Amino acid sequence: GVEVMGFSWKNKLVSTNPNAKDTDGDGVDDNLEKSVHGTDPTNPDSDGDGLNDGDEILVHDSNPLITDTDGDGLTDGEEVNGFSITVGGREISVRTNPTDPDTDDDGLRDGTEAKGFILVIHGESRLIVTDPSDTDTDQDGIKDGDEAGKIDAEGHEEDKRIGEINPVVVKIEGQDRTVRTDPSRRDTDGDTLEDGKEVSGFKISLMGGDRVVQSDPSLVDSDGD
């Protein structure tokens, strides 16, 4: 039969065990691998992404023939099994969804966040790493994607994105100003006020009474005085 003679899988001759329904022990019957899923019944991980075919098909709904199902720059195995990133000098373990390129829905691809991207703030280039499983990595009250602006899959600015963003806009001396902040640091400009506080506004006391004002979270001196 076919099992004894072997058959071609992606230009490779493979032979299954005629005495076993599931030759490679991946949880999927040989016949289903050959006729339905197109996977290699002699290799438990047909695409070599670190997840066995059975888990991809039956558990995670990822593609057992594609290393990176959602095209976010991380392999399916990395996303499911977890990986470590360093944010603000702190190492954290992360797991993401192999079928969703933006697990935390913050507008940045999982791979872009985990591998890092260059962000230019007032002429200063910063290598930024954010948590792809946390919408607001620095917990400053602003979504990572909104802080970073437009970042593409390769970590470049002003290009295609996963989702929509709401640019960070503050009013300084009566004028709206769109700003870019560091999503890995609560206080981008180091002025002791958290970015979210500067954007949402804070109370100051003047001769005429108290007033709520905004300031630029990317500049220590928002009005240049």
Protein backbone atom coordinates (compact mmCIF):
# COMPACT_ATOMS: atom_id res chain seq x y z
CA GLY A 1 0.00 0.00 0.00
CA VAL A 2 0.94 3.67 0.11
CA GLU A 3 2.29 3.37 3.64
CA VAL A 4 4.74 0.63 2.74
CA MET A 5 5.78 2.20 -0.56
CA GLY A 6 5.91 5.72 0.74
CA PHE A 7 4.68 8.89 -0.94
CA SER A 8 5.93 12.34 -1.85
CA TRP A 9 5.46 15.25 0.56
CA LYS A 10 6.89 18.54 -0.70
CA ASN A 11 9.29 16.70 -3.01
CA LYS A 12 10.43 14.47 -0.17
CA LEU A 13 9.75 10.73 -0.01
CA VAL A 14 8.13 9.81 3.31
CA SER A 15 6.77 6.53 4.65
CA THR A 16 4.22 6.12 7.42
CA ASN A 17 3.90 3.25 9.87
CA PRO A 18 1.28 0.79 8.60
CA ASN A 19 0.65 -0.33 12.19
CA ALA A 20 -0.07 3.14 13.58
CA LYS A 21 -2.90 5.58 12.84
CA ASP A 22 -0.72 8.50 13.86
CA THR A 23 2.86 7.80 12.81
CA ASP A 24 4.42 10.97 14.23
CA GLY A 25 2.27 11.10 17.39
CA ASP A 26 1.15 14.68 16.82
CA GLY A 27 -2.51 13.99 17.56
CA VAL A 28 -3.69 13.99 13.94
CA ASP A 29 -4.33 10.74 12.04
CA ASP A 30 -2.01 10.06 9.10
CA ASN A 31 -4.92 9.98 6.63
CA LEU A 32 -6.12 13.41 7.77
CA GLU A 33 -2.62 14.85 7.55
CA LYS A 34 -2.26 13.60 3.97
CA SER A 35 -5.74 14.25 2.60
CA VAL A 36 -7.09 17.21 4.62
CA HIS A 37 -4.34 19.28 6.21
CA GLY A 38 -1.47 18.68 3.81
CA THR A 39 0.98 18.17 6.66
CA ASP A 40 3.78 15.64 6.94
CA PRO A 41 2.46 12.57 8.80
CA THR A 42 6.01 11.56 9.68
CA ASN A 43 6.97 14.89 11.28
CA PRO A 44 5.05 16.17 14.31
CA ASP A 45 5.98 19.79 13.44
CA SER A 46 5.67 20.15 9.67
CA ASP A 47 6.60 23.83 9.49
CA GLY A 48 9.27 23.73 12.20
CA ASP A 49 7.80 26.61 14.21
CA GLY A 50 8.00 24.93 17.61
CA LEU A 51 4.36 23.77 17.78
CA ASN A 52 3.29 20.30 16.79
CA ASP A 53 0.75 19.95 14.00
CA GLY A 54 -1.96 18.63 16.30
CA ASP A 55 -1.74 21.61 18.63
CA GLU A 56 -1.82 24.04 15.71
CA ILE A 57 -4.86 22.37 14.14
CA LEU A 58 -6.84 21.33 17.20
CA VAL A 59 -5.90 23.86 19.89
CA HIS A 60 -4.55 27.14 18.52
CA ASP A 61 -6.22 27.28 15.09
CA SER A 62 -2.91 28.31 13.58
CA ASN A 63 -1.58 27.11 10.23
CA PRO A 64 0.66 24.02 10.62
CA LEU A 65 2.28 24.79 7.26
CA ILE A 66 3.22 28.42 7.98
CA THR A 67 5.83 29.34 10.57
CA ASP A 68 4.21 32.70 11.35
CA THR A 69 0.45 32.33 10.83
CA ASP A 70 -0.52 35.94 11.53
CA GLY A 71 2.52 37.52 9.86
CA ASP A 72 3.45 39.64 12.88
CA GLY A 73 7.15 38.79 12.88
CA LEU A 74 7.00 36.14 15.63
CA THR A 75 6.81 32.41 15.01
CA ASP A 76 3.73 30.55 16.19
CA GLY A 77 5.90 28.64 18.65
CA GLU A 78 7.34 31.83 20.13
CA GLU A 79 3.89 33.32 20.60
CA VAL A 80 2.37 30.23 22.26
CA ASN A 81 5.37 29.02 24.27
CA GLY A 82 6.34 32.51 25.39
CA PHE A 83 9.48 34.63 25.20
CA SER A 84 11.29 37.24 27.28
CA ILE A 85 11.67 40.96 26.58
CA THR A 86 13.39 43.72 28.52
CA VAL A 87 11.38 46.89 29.10
CA GLY A 88 12.86 49.71 31.12
CA GLY A 89 15.60 47.45 32.47
CA ARG A 90 13.04 44.89 33.64
CA GLU A 91 12.83 41.43 32.06
CA ILE A 92 9.31 40.10 31.58
CA SER A 93 7.88 36.90 30.10
CA VAL A 94 5.27 37.32 27.40
CA ARG A 95 2.81 35.13 25.52
CA THR A 96 0.82 36.31 22.52
CA ASN A 97 -1.86 35.03 20.14
CA PRO A 98 -0.41 33.29 17.03
CA THR A 99 -3.51 34.14 14.98
CA ASP A 100 -3.75 37.83 15.91
CA PRO A 101 -0.96 40.16 14.71
CA ASP A 102 -1.87 42.69 17.40
CA THR A 103 -2.68 40.69 20.53
CA ASP A 104 -3.27 43.67 22.81
CA ASP A 105 -5.08 45.80 20.20
CA ASP A 106 -2.85 48.82 20.75
CA GLY A 107 -2.18 49.41 17.04
CA LEU A 108 1.34 47.93 17.00
CA ARG A 109 2.24 44.47 15.65
CA ASP A 110 3.35 41.92 18.25
CA GLY A 111 6.71 41.41 16.54
CA THR A 112 7.33 45.14 16.24
CA GLU A 113 6.72 45.62 19.95
CA ALA A 114 8.78 42.62 21.06
CA LYS A 115 11.77 43.10 18.75
CA GLY A 116 11.87 46.86 19.15
CA PHE A 117 11.60 49.87 16.87
CA ILE A 118 13.32 53.23 16.47
CA LEU A 119 11.33 56.25 17.59
CA VAL A 120 12.58 59.78 16.95
CA ILE A 121 11.42 62.34 19.51
CA HIS A 122 12.63 65.90 18.90
CA GLY A 123 15.68 64.65 17.01
CA GLU A 124 16.58 61.99 19.58
CA SER A 125 16.47 58.40 18.30
CA ARG A 126 15.31 55.86 20.86
CA LEU A 127 15.17 52.06 20.54
CA ILE A 128 11.81 51.18 22.03
CA VAL A 129 10.63 47.76 23.22
CA THR A 130 7.05 47.42 24.44
CA ASP A 131 4.93 44.56 25.75
CA PRO A 132 2.78 43.08 22.94
CA SER A 133 0.39 41.62 25.52
CA ASP A 134 -0.23 44.93 27.32
CA THR A 135 -2.05 47.83 25.65
CA ASP A 136 -0.29 50.38 27.85
CA THR A 137 3.22 49.11 28.60
CA ASP A 138 4.33 52.02 30.79
CA GLN A 139 0.94 52.39 32.53
CA ASP A 140 0.78 56.12 31.88
CA GLY A 141 -2.82 56.05 30.66
CA ILE A 142 -2.00 56.30 26.94
CA LYS A 143 -2.10 53.36 24.50
CA ASP A 144 1.29 52.24 23.15
CA GLY A 145 0.20 52.80 19.56
CA ASP A 146 -1.11 56.27 20.29
CA GLU A 147 2.18 57.22 21.94
CA ALA A 148 4.40 55.81 19.20
CA GLY A 149 2.47 57.07 16.19
CA LYS A 150 2.66 55.20 12.90
CA ILE A 151 5.05 52.24 12.98
CA ASP A 152 5.09 49.55 10.28
CA ALA A 153 5.86 45.82 10.49
CA GLU A 154 9.60 46.45 10.06
CA GLY A 155 9.69 49.02 12.85
CA HIS A 156 9.80 52.06 10.57
CA GLU A 157 7.84 55.23 11.21
CA GLU A 158 4.98 56.69 9.16
CA ASP A 159 3.87 53.63 7.24
CA LYS A 160 1.17 50.93 7.34
CA ARG A 161 -0.24 49.92 10.70
CA ILE A 162 -2.39 47.23 12.20
CA GLY A 163 -5.15 49.42 13.58
CA GLU A 164 -6.30 52.98 13.90
CA ILE A 165 -4.57 55.36 16.28
CA ASN A 166 -5.70 58.38 18.21
CA PRO A 167 -2.78 60.83 18.00
CA VAL A 168 -1.75 62.43 21.29
CA VAL A 169 -2.85 66.07 21.06
CA VAL A 170 -2.33 68.74 23.72
CA LYS A 171 -3.34 72.40 23.73
CA ILE A 172 -0.44 74.73 24.45
CA GLU A 173 -1.14 78.48 24.61
CA GLY A 174 -4.40 77.98 22.74
CA GLN A 175 -2.86 75.92 19.92
CA ASP A 176 -3.36 72.18 19.36
CA ARG A 177 -0.08 70.30 19.22
CA THR A 178 0.29 66.66 18.10
CA VAL A 179 3.07 64.96 20.05
CA ARG A 180 4.90 61.66 20.05
CA THR A 181 5.90 60.02 23.33
CA ASP A 182 7.85 56.96 24.48
CA PRO A 183 5.43 54.08 25.20
CA SER A 184 8.02 52.33 27.37
CA ARG A 185 8.54 55.27 29.76
CA ARG A 186 5.87 56.90 31.91
CA ASP A 187 7.67 60.22 31.78
CA THR A 188 9.07 60.72 28.28
CA ASP A 189 10.68 64.10 28.90
CA GLY A 190 11.86 63.42 32.46
CA ASP A 191 10.10 66.42 33.96
CA THR A 192 8.59 64.34 36.83
CA LEU A 193 5.08 64.56 35.35
CA GLU A 194 3.76 61.32 33.83
CA ASP A 195 2.83 61.55 30.15
CA GLY A 196 -0.81 60.71 30.85
CA LYS A 197 -1.02 63.48 33.43
CA GLU A 198 0.39 66.05 31.03
CA VAL A 199 -2.06 65.00 28.31
CA SER A 200 -5.19 64.72 30.46
CA GLY A 201 -4.39 67.99 32.22
CA PHE A 202 -3.57 69.07 35.76
CA LYS A 203 -4.61 71.89 38.06
CA ILE A 204 -2.49 74.97 38.63
CA SER A 205 -3.20 77.95 40.86
CA LEU A 206 -3.12 81.43 39.33
CA MET A 207 -4.02 84.88 40.54
CA GLY A 208 -7.50 84.47 39.07
CA GLY A 209 -8.02 81.08 40.65
CA ASP A 210 -7.36 77.43 39.79
CA ARG A 211 -7.06 76.32 36.19
CA VAL A 212 -6.64 72.95 34.42
CA VAL A 213 -3.89 73.00 31.82
CA GLN A 214 -2.13 70.55 29.53
CA SER A 215 1.58 70.38 28.81
CA ASP A 216 3.75 68.71 26.17
CA PRO A 217 4.86 65.28 27.52
CA SER A 218 7.74 65.19 25.06
CA LEU A 219 9.32 68.48 26.16
CA VAL A 220 10.54 69.59 29.58
CA ASP A 221 9.62 73.19 28.73
CA SER A 222 6.33 73.05 26.83
CA ASP A 223 6.02 76.77 26.08
CA GLY A 224 9.71 77.48 25.57
CA ASP A 225 9.89 80.16 28.24
